[in-house]
Protein backbone atom coordinates (compact mmCIF):
# COMPACT_ATOMS: atom_id res chain seq x y z
CA MET A 1 7.10 18.73 -53.59
CA ARG A 2 6.74 18.98 -49.79
CA ASN A 3 4.66 15.80 -49.75
CA ILE A 4 7.26 13.95 -51.82
CA ILE A 5 10.15 15.02 -49.56
CA GLY A 6 8.04 14.11 -46.55
CA GLY A 7 7.30 10.76 -48.19
CA VAL A 8 11.02 10.04 -48.62
CA GLN A 9 11.50 10.86 -44.94
CA TRP A 10 8.71 8.48 -43.92
CA ALA A 11 10.16 5.75 -46.16
CA ILE A 12 13.63 6.00 -44.64
CA PHE A 13 12.19 6.08 -41.11
CA LEU A 14 10.04 3.00 -41.82
CA ILE A 15 12.96 0.98 -43.18
CA ALA A 16 15.45 2.17 -40.54
CA SER A 17 13.08 1.23 -37.70
CA SER A 18 12.07 -2.14 -39.16
CA ILE A 19 15.07 -3.79 -40.77
CA ALA A 20 16.61 -5.15 -37.54
CA ALA A 21 13.83 -7.68 -36.85
CA PRO A 22 14.04 -9.72 -40.08
CA ILE A 23 17.85 -9.73 -39.87
CA ALA A 24 17.76 -11.05 -36.29
CA ILE A 25 15.15 -13.71 -37.09
CA ALA A 26 17.07 -14.84 -40.17
CA HIS A 27 20.11 -15.22 -37.90
CA VAL A 28 18.38 -17.46 -35.33
CA PHE A 29 17.06 -19.67 -38.14
CA GLU A 30 20.57 -19.79 -39.66
CA MET A 31 19.43 -18.55 -43.08
CA ASP A 32 22.12 -17.98 -45.69
CA THR A 33 22.74 -14.56 -47.27
CA GLY A 34 20.32 -15.14 -50.14
CA ASP A 35 17.45 -16.34 -47.94
CA THR A 36 18.07 -13.49 -45.49
CA THR A 37 17.86 -10.89 -48.27
CA LEU A 38 14.60 -12.38 -49.54
CA PHE A 39 13.16 -12.55 -46.01
CA ILE A 40 13.98 -8.87 -45.50
CA GLN A 41 12.41 -8.03 -48.87
CA ARG A 42 9.17 -9.87 -48.08
CA THR A 43 8.88 -8.35 -44.61
CA ILE A 44 9.50 -4.74 -45.69
CA PHE A 45 7.16 -5.22 -48.68
CA VAL A 46 4.35 -6.37 -46.37
CA LEU A 47 5.01 -3.44 -44.02
CA GLY A 48 4.68 -0.97 -46.90
CA VAL A 49 1.43 -2.54 -48.06
CA ALA A 50 0.18 -2.69 -44.44
CA CYS A 51 0.64 1.07 -44.09
CA ILE A 52 -1.42 1.64 -47.24
CA VAL A 53 -4.20 -0.67 -45.99
CA GLN A 54 -4.38 1.16 -42.64
CA ALA A 55 -4.25 4.60 -44.29
CA PHE A 56 -7.19 3.91 -46.62
CA PHE A 57 -9.31 1.32 -44.81
CA GLY A 58 -8.06 1.12 -41.20
CA HIS A 59 -7.41 3.74 -38.53
CA ARG A 60 -6.42 6.34 -41.20
CA LEU A 61 -3.62 7.80 -39.08
CA PRO A 62 0.07 8.27 -40.01
CA ILE A 63 1.26 5.32 -37.93
CA ASN A 64 3.88 3.18 -39.61
CA GLU A 65 3.63 -0.60 -39.31
CA GLY A 66 6.63 -2.50 -37.97
CA PRO A 67 7.49 -6.14 -37.21
CA ALA A 68 5.59 -6.99 -34.02
CA GLY A 69 7.93 -7.56 -31.10
CA LEU A 70 5.62 -10.33 -29.87
CA TRP A 71 5.97 -12.22 -33.14
CA TRP A 72 9.72 -11.65 -32.96
CA GLY A 73 9.69 -13.49 -29.63
CA VAL A 74 7.55 -16.32 -31.01
CA PHE A 75 9.93 -16.76 -33.97
CA VAL A 76 12.86 -17.07 -31.57
CA VAL A 77 10.98 -19.64 -29.46
CA TYR A 78 10.07 -21.70 -32.52
CA ALA A 79 13.66 -21.56 -33.77
CA GLY A 80 14.55 -23.40 -30.58
CA MET A 81 12.00 -26.11 -31.45
CA VAL A 82 13.83 -27.12 -34.65
CA GLY A 83 14.95 -30.71 -34.19
CA VAL A 84 12.59 -31.13 -31.22
CA MET A 85 8.99 -30.49 -32.33
CA TYR A 86 9.79 -29.71 -35.96
CA PRO A 87 12.23 -31.77 -38.05
CA THR A 88 13.68 -28.81 -39.96
CA ALA A 89 13.76 -25.00 -39.84
CA ALA A 90 11.48 -24.95 -42.90
CA ASP A 91 8.83 -26.95 -40.99
CA SER A 92 8.98 -24.54 -38.06
CA LEU A 93 8.75 -21.54 -40.40
CA ARG A 94 5.82 -23.20 -42.18
CA ALA A 95 3.95 -23.38 -38.86
CA LEU A 96 4.75 -19.71 -38.18
CA GLN A 97 3.62 -18.80 -41.70
CA SER A 98 0.30 -20.54 -40.97
CA GLY A 99 0.12 -18.74 -37.62
CA MET A 100 0.01 -15.39 -39.43
CA LEU A 101 -3.07 -16.61 -41.32
CA TYR A 102 -4.75 -17.74 -38.08
CA SER A 103 -4.01 -14.35 -36.53
CA GLY A 104 -5.45 -12.51 -39.53
CA VAL A 105 -8.75 -14.37 -39.21
CA LEU A 106 -8.84 -13.80 -35.42
CA PHE A 107 -8.22 -10.05 -35.81
CA ILE A 108 -11.17 -9.71 -38.18
CA PHE A 109 -13.43 -12.00 -36.10
CA LEU A 110 -12.76 -10.11 -32.85
CA ALA A 111 -13.37 -6.78 -34.59
CA LEU A 112 -16.68 -7.84 -36.14
CA THR A 113 -17.97 -9.35 -32.87
CA GLY A 114 -17.32 -6.12 -30.96
CA VAL A 115 -14.60 -7.48 -28.65
CA VAL A 116 -12.06 -4.93 -29.90
CA THR A 117 -14.38 -1.98 -29.24
CA LYS A 118 -14.91 -3.10 -25.65
CA MET A 119 -11.16 -3.54 -25.10
CA LYS A 120 -10.52 0.13 -25.94
CA ARG A 121 -12.12 1.21 -22.64
CA LEU A 122 -9.21 -0.36 -20.80
CA PHE A 123 -6.73 2.19 -22.19
CA THR A 124 -7.07 4.95 -19.61
CA PRO A 125 -4.39 7.65 -19.14
CA ALA A 126 -2.66 5.56 -16.43
CA ILE A 127 -2.48 2.48 -18.69
CA THR A 128 -1.28 4.50 -21.67
CA PHE A 129 1.44 6.08 -19.50
CA THR A 130 2.53 2.66 -18.22
CA TYR A 131 2.66 1.25 -21.75
CA LEU A 132 4.65 4.18 -23.13
CA LEU A 133 7.18 4.27 -20.29
CA LEU A 134 7.71 0.49 -20.40
CA LEU A 135 8.18 0.72 -24.18
CA ILE A 136 10.79 3.46 -23.75
CA LEU A 137 12.61 1.61 -20.96
CA GLN A 138 12.60 -1.65 -22.92
CA LEU A 139 14.09 -0.03 -26.01
CA SER A 140 16.56 2.32 -24.30
CA GLY A 141 19.07 -0.48 -23.68
CA THR A 142 18.88 -1.57 -27.32
CA PHE A 143 19.35 2.02 -28.48
CA LEU A 144 22.45 2.56 -26.35
CA GLN A 145 24.02 -0.76 -27.33
CA GLY A 146 23.49 0.04 -31.00
CA MET A 147 24.84 3.59 -30.57
CA PHE A 148 27.99 2.28 -28.87
CA GLY A 149 28.63 -0.43 -31.46
CA ILE A 150 27.84 -3.34 -29.10
CA GLU A 151 26.39 -6.29 -30.99
CA SER A 152 26.98 -9.09 -28.45
CA ALA A 153 27.69 -9.54 -24.75
CA THR A 154 31.42 -9.94 -25.44
CA ASP A 155 31.79 -6.70 -27.45
CA SER A 156 33.47 -3.59 -26.03
CA ILE A 157 32.32 -0.03 -26.63
CA ASP A 158 33.55 1.28 -29.98
CA GLY A 159 34.76 4.82 -29.26
CA THR A 160 34.47 5.96 -32.88
CA VAL A 161 30.90 4.66 -33.21
CA ALA A 162 29.94 6.19 -29.85
CA PHE A 163 31.36 9.57 -30.90
CA GLY A 164 29.52 9.47 -34.22
CA SER A 165 26.25 8.48 -32.51
CA ILE A 166 26.48 11.35 -30.01
CA VAL A 167 27.05 13.81 -32.86
CA VAL A 168 24.01 12.40 -34.70
CA ILE A 169 21.87 12.83 -31.56
CA PHE A 170 22.91 16.47 -31.31
CA ILE A 171 22.18 17.00 -35.01
CA THR A 172 18.73 15.46 -34.55
CA PHE A 173 17.89 17.61 -31.52
CA ILE A 174 19.10 20.76 -33.30
CA THR A 175 17.08 20.05 -36.45
CA MET A 176 13.98 18.96 -34.48
CA ASN A 177 13.94 22.27 -32.59
CA HIS A 178 15.18 24.52 -35.41
CA LYS A 179 13.47 27.87 -35.93
CA SER A 180 12.94 27.09 -39.59
CA SER A 181 9.75 25.03 -39.99
CA TRP A 182 11.24 23.39 -43.11
CA VAL A 183 14.26 22.12 -41.18
CA SER A 184 12.21 20.85 -38.22
CA LYS A 185 9.68 19.17 -40.50
CA TYR A 186 12.38 17.16 -42.29
CA SER A 187 14.66 16.74 -39.26
CA VAL A 188 14.69 12.95 -39.46
CA LEU A 189 15.64 12.91 -43.14
CA ILE A 190 18.35 15.55 -42.61
CA SER A 191 19.74 13.78 -39.54
CA ILE A 192 19.93 10.37 -41.19
CA GLY A 193 21.55 11.86 -44.30
CA LEU A 194 24.18 13.83 -42.35
CA GLY A 195 24.72 10.89 -39.99
CA TRP A 196 25.30 8.54 -42.91
CA LEU A 197 27.89 10.94 -44.37
CA LEU A 198 29.56 11.31 -40.96
CA PHE A 199 29.89 7.55 -40.47
CA ALA A 200 31.25 7.22 -44.01
CA ALA A 201 33.90 9.83 -43.14
CA LEU A 202 34.71 7.91 -39.94
CA GLY A 203 35.10 4.69 -41.92
CA LYS A 204 32.11 3.05 -40.23
CA ALA A 205 29.76 2.82 -43.21
CA SER A 206 29.50 -0.36 -45.27
CA HIS A 207 30.34 -0.39 -48.96
CA ILE A 208 27.60 -1.09 -51.47
CA GLU A 209 28.00 -4.60 -52.83
CA SER A 210 24.88 -5.37 -54.78
CA LYS A 211 24.80 -8.78 -56.41
CA ALA A 212 21.36 -8.29 -57.86
CA THR A 213 20.85 -9.90 -61.25
CA LYS A 214 17.30 -8.61 -61.77
CA LEU A 215 16.11 -5.03 -62.10
CA ILE A 216 12.71 -5.87 -60.60
CA ALA A 217 11.98 -8.86 -58.35
CA PHE A 218 8.55 -9.52 -56.83
CA PRO A 219 8.43 -11.30 -53.44
CA ASP A 220 7.48 -14.99 -53.49
CA VAL A 221 4.38 -16.39 -51.77
CA PHE A 222 4.07 -19.36 -49.40
CA VAL A 223 7.84 -19.79 -49.43
CA TYR A 224 7.75 -22.57 -46.81
CA GLY A 225 4.88 -24.54 -48.38
CA LYS A 226 1.09 -24.55 -48.24
CA PRO A 227 -0.63 -23.53 -44.98
CA ILE A 228 -1.09 -26.31 -42.41
CA TRP A 229 -3.17 -26.79 -39.26
CA ASP A 230 -1.05 -26.69 -36.12
CA SER A 231 -3.09 -26.77 -32.89
CA GLY A 232 -0.18 -25.61 -30.74
CA MET A 233 0.43 -22.66 -33.05
CA PHE A 234 -3.28 -21.79 -33.02
CA VAL A 235 -3.37 -21.58 -29.22
CA THR A 236 -0.24 -19.42 -29.26
CA THR A 237 -1.71 -17.25 -32.02
CA LEU A 238 -4.98 -16.72 -30.14
CA PHE A 239 -3.14 -15.31 -27.14
CA ILE A 240 -0.66 -13.31 -29.23
CA THR A 241 -3.50 -11.75 -31.27
CA LEU A 242 -5.21 -10.44 -28.12
CA LEU A 243 -1.92 -8.88 -27.01
CA LEU A 244 -1.35 -7.41 -30.48
CA ILE A 245 -4.82 -5.82 -30.37
CA ALA A 246 -3.84 -4.18 -27.08
CA ASN A 247 -0.59 -3.01 -28.69
CA MET A 248 -2.48 -1.63 -31.70
CA MET A 249 -4.97 0.26 -29.54
CA ALA A 250 -2.19 1.77 -27.44
CA SER A 251 -0.46 3.06 -30.59
CA ILE A 252 -3.72 4.52 -31.92
CA ARG A 253 -4.53 6.16 -28.59
CA VAL A 254 -1.06 7.73 -28.36
CA MET A 255 -1.45 9.25 -31.82
CA GLU A 256 -5.01 10.41 -31.07
CA ASN A 257 -3.77 12.17 -27.93
CA LEU A 258 -0.92 13.80 -29.85
CA TYR A 259 -3.40 15.19 -32.40
CA LYS A 260 -5.71 16.39 -29.62
CA HIS A 261 -3.18 17.97 -27.25
CA SER A 262 -0.54 19.25 -29.71
CA PHE A 263 -2.61 20.13 -32.78
CA ALA A 264 -6.16 20.54 -31.36
CA ILE A 265 -7.50 17.93 -33.80
CA GLU A 266 -10.18 15.45 -32.77
CA VAL A 267 -9.75 12.05 -34.43
CA PRO A 268 -12.80 9.82 -35.05
CA ASP A 269 -12.80 6.40 -33.39
CA ARG A 270 -11.70 3.80 -35.97
CA VAL A 271 -10.29 1.08 -33.73
CA LYS A 272 -12.66 -1.51 -35.22
CA GLU A 273 -11.55 -0.64 -38.76
CA GLY A 274 -7.92 -0.64 -37.60
CA SER A 275 -8.31 -4.16 -36.25
CA ILE A 276 -9.87 -5.40 -39.50
CA ALA A 277 -7.00 -3.81 -41.43
CA SER A 278 -4.52 -5.50 -39.07
CA GLY A 279 -6.25 -8.79 -39.85
CA ILE A 280 -5.79 -8.19 -43.58
CA ASN A 281 -2.13 -7.30 -42.98
CA HIS A 282 -1.54 -10.52 -41.04
CA LEU A 283 -3.14 -12.51 -43.84
CA LEU A 284 -0.68 -10.82 -46.21
CA SER A 285 2.18 -11.72 -43.85
CA GLY A 286 1.13 -15.36 -44.04
CA VAL A 287 0.84 -15.30 -47.82
CA PHE A 288 4.28 -13.67 -48.23
CA SER A 289 5.93 -15.68 -45.41
CA ALA A 290 6.88 -12.55 -43.47
CA ILE A 291 6.71 -11.24 -39.89
CA GLY A 292 3.32 -10.06 -38.64
CA PRO A 293 3.08 -6.24 -38.47
CA VAL A 294 1.68 -3.96 -35.80
CA PRO A 295 1.18 -0.15 -35.65
CA ILE A 296 4.28 1.35 -34.03
CA SER A 297 3.85 3.75 -31.10
CA GLY A 298 7.10 5.48 -32.06
CA ALA A 299 5.24 7.05 -34.98
CA ALA A 300 3.76 9.56 -32.54
CA GLY A 301 7.27 10.63 -31.60
CA PHE A 302 8.13 10.99 -35.29
CA VAL A 303 5.03 13.10 -35.99
CA GLY A 304 5.60 15.15 -32.85
CA ALA A 305 9.21 15.83 -33.83
CA THR A 306 8.53 16.69 -37.48
CA ARG A 307 5.03 18.19 -36.93
CA MET A 308 4.04 16.51 -40.18
CA ILE A 309 0.44 15.57 -39.42
CA SER A 310 -0.85 15.16 -42.98
CA ILE A 311 -1.36 11.57 -44.05
CA LYS A 312 -0.39 12.30 -47.69
CA PRO A 313 3.42 12.12 -47.12
CA PHE A 314 2.83 8.94 -45.11
CA ILE A 315 1.01 7.31 -48.03
CA ILE A 316 3.68 8.47 -50.49
CA GLY A 317 6.38 7.08 -48.19
CA SER A 318 4.61 3.73 -48.03
CA VAL A 319 4.41 3.58 -51.83
CA ILE A 320 8.14 4.42 -52.01
CA VAL A 321 8.91 1.58 -49.60
CA ILE A 322 6.91 -0.89 -51.71
CA GLY A 323 8.73 0.29 -54.83
CA MET A 324 12.13 -0.05 -53.15
CA THR A 325 11.47 -3.64 -52.08
CA LEU A 326 10.84 -4.56 -55.71
CA SER A 327 14.37 -3.39 -56.61
CA PRO A 328 17.11 -5.66 -55.22
CA ALA A 329 19.75 -2.99 -55.93
CA VAL A 330 17.86 -0.33 -53.94
CA MET A 331 17.31 -2.73 -51.02
CA SER A 332 21.01 -3.55 -51.04
CA PHE A 333 21.80 0.19 -50.86
CA PHE A 334 19.55 0.84 -47.87
CA ALA A 335 20.92 -2.26 -46.16
CA THR A 336 24.22 -0.34 -45.89
CA LEU A 337 22.66 2.33 -43.64
CA PRO A 338 24.86 2.29 -40.50
CA ALA A 339 22.76 0.84 -37.68
CA PRO A 340 24.13 3.35 -35.09
CA VAL A 341 22.74 6.22 -37.18
CA ALA A 342 19.25 4.69 -37.11
CA TYR A 343 19.53 4.03 -33.36
CA ALA A 344 20.77 7.57 -32.61
CA VAL A 345 18.00 9.29 -34.59
CA THR A 346 15.34 7.00 -33.08
CA PHE A 347 16.76 7.66 -29.60
CA ALA A 348 16.22 11.41 -30.09
CA ILE A 349 12.69 10.83 -31.40
CA PHE A 350 11.77 8.70 -28.40
CA THR A 351 12.57 11.55 -26.01
CA LYS A 352 9.35 13.07 -27.35
CA MET A 353 7.57 9.89 -26.25
CA VAL A 354 8.67 10.49 -22.65
CA GLU A 355 7.14 13.97 -22.79
CA MET A 356 3.91 12.55 -24.23
CA ALA A 357 3.75 9.87 -21.53
CA PHE A 358 3.84 12.36 -18.64
CA THR A 359 1.40 14.68 -20.39
CA GLU A 360 -1.01 11.75 -20.71
CA LEU A 361 -0.69 10.78 -17.03
CA ALA A 362 -1.46 14.37 -16.00
CA THR A 363 -4.93 14.06 -17.59
CA ASP A 364 -6.01 11.22 -15.26
CA LYS A 365 -8.80 12.47 -12.99
CA ASN A 366 -7.84 10.19 -10.08
CA GLN A 367 -4.11 10.83 -9.64
CA SER A 368 -3.79 8.81 -6.43
CA GLN A 369 -5.25 5.70 -8.06
CA ALA A 370 -3.22 6.28 -11.21
CA TYR A 371 0.05 6.28 -9.23
CA LYS A 372 -0.83 2.92 -7.64
CA VAL A 373 -1.64 1.41 -11.04
CA VAL A 374 1.54 2.77 -12.62
CA ALA A 375 3.69 1.57 -9.70
CA PHE A 376 2.54 -2.05 -10.09
CA GLY A 377 2.81 -2.01 -13.88
CA LEU A 378 6.28 -0.46 -13.97
CA MET A 379 7.82 -2.52 -11.18
CA ILE A 380 6.61 -5.83 -12.62
CA GLY A 381 7.30 -4.89 -16.24
CA VAL A 382 10.81 -3.56 -15.60
CA GLY A 383 11.55 -6.44 -13.23
CA LEU A 384 10.74 -8.97 -15.96
CA MET A 385 13.02 -7.11 -18.36
CA PHE A 386 15.95 -7.87 -16.04
CA MET A 387 15.15 -11.59 -15.73
CA PRO A 388 17.28 -13.90 -17.91
CA ALA A 389 15.36 -15.54 -20.74
CA THR A 390 16.80 -18.94 -19.79
CA SER A 391 14.92 -18.84 -16.47
CA MET A 392 11.63 -19.27 -18.37
CA ALA A 393 12.78 -22.05 -20.67
CA SER A 394 10.83 -24.73 -18.76
CA LEU A 395 7.52 -22.85 -18.92
CA PRO A 396 4.84 -23.51 -21.58
CA ASN A 397 5.51 -21.58 -24.81
CA ILE A 398 2.58 -19.18 -24.35
CA LEU A 399 3.57 -18.33 -20.79
CA ALA A 400 7.26 -18.02 -21.66
CA THR A 401 6.53 -15.70 -24.59
CA THR A 402 4.33 -13.46 -22.45
CA LEU A 403 6.50 -13.27 -19.33
CA SER A 404 9.63 -12.65 -21.39
CA ASN A 405 7.97 -9.46 -22.65
CA GLY A 406 7.95 -6.99 -19.76
CA LEU A 407 6.12 -4.42 -21.88
CA VAL A 408 3.07 -6.61 -22.44
CA THR A 409 3.00 -8.24 -19.00
CA GLY A 410 3.46 -4.94 -17.14
CA THR A 411 0.67 -3.31 -19.14
CA ILE A 412 -1.70 -6.24 -18.51
CA ILE A 413 -0.94 -6.21 -14.77
CA ALA A 414 -1.61 -2.46 -14.66
CA MET A 415 -4.95 -3.02 -16.41
CA MET A 416 -5.93 -5.72 -13.93
CA ILE A 417 -4.98 -3.56 -10.92
CA GLU A 418 -6.89 -0.56 -12.27
CA GLN A 419 -10.01 -2.59 -13.04
CA TYR A 420 -9.88 -4.07 -9.53
CA LEU A 421 -9.60 -0.60 -7.95
CA LEU A 422 -12.47 0.69 -10.08
CA TRP A 423 -14.62 -2.30 -9.11
CA LYS A 424 -13.73 -1.79 -5.44
CA THR A 425 -14.72 1.88 -5.63
CA LYS A 426 -18.11 1.07 -7.23
CA ALA A 427 -18.78 -1.69 -4.67
CA ARG A 428 -18.64 0.77 -1.77
């Protein structure tokens, strides 16, 4: 029974932390309600399957897969190419669909040739700290906007939504640190449930309006047509895949460190297998015309908060997610989850990530060098986060996509600085 309840908690967390991306992408491509619903279904379905693939054949850690932020950026860029490089939105989406297939092959190729294994050495405590802190800083603005009911630049703070969000944060902190192990273990599930009820009482929860005509509906494949060769997309995909590998390894390292420092559990190195599994998951994304997935670092915060380290509830939760995507009525129900509730609970979970980041930095043997590396990474990464996206519109797509992501660019700069300092030390 504990595993089933834990599975339900994982399922809700996976959906709550992933549903925003397909909705946003559907919006920029001006999809209608029906196409948006199907796009969400395909994306969440692939994420559920991706978790199963990683759990059995990949890194074998309870790390949920989510829509990759890098792919999110690429989708937005390619939406802007409709009418310029691609005649219609369907043509642009067809190129992106093919890009997922390219990425899948590249993931597997780089894993089998040993490139991925060599890349893992770059993730020292200083780099992991930089990555985690940039991730937290990048998402904190989104969390606060969602918790205050701000959906666009012209919106004002919604006092009722802000009040409800603050209450949900307190509920989450109380349940996370409760004396009862049962309450703390299922704190996320309890917080989302109570938060949903609170927002319903405040009149800020959507009504369920399911227009589903089928009891079971399987996601379609190759929705935008057969795969095509697009040289521009391949070049973009090559670069994006390397960045996604770095993202994947950071997420795995964070979870490994959590197991080691908080639970005294040594985790075997399965980065190579994780990369192969990520390749399979990207191939599935291409087949089902969805967004490419990546292991989410926030999973460590979830596990740290609930102290639910067993992978069994994670697998059960993934199966539940897959089952829910096959039911249009169930998907319609979960689509009514108030976004501020999801943001508030995730905000509380990410406070654990801050704690993990500083604990990781403290393990670096050369603190003086680590501070220099972190300073460069954070200043450049955060600085790019404040730059307007329009300022990079004239740059090549690959460069614009990278520089518009302060998380990735800051982490790469930190890696380069650290490798230079290490080389300089050895050269003496």
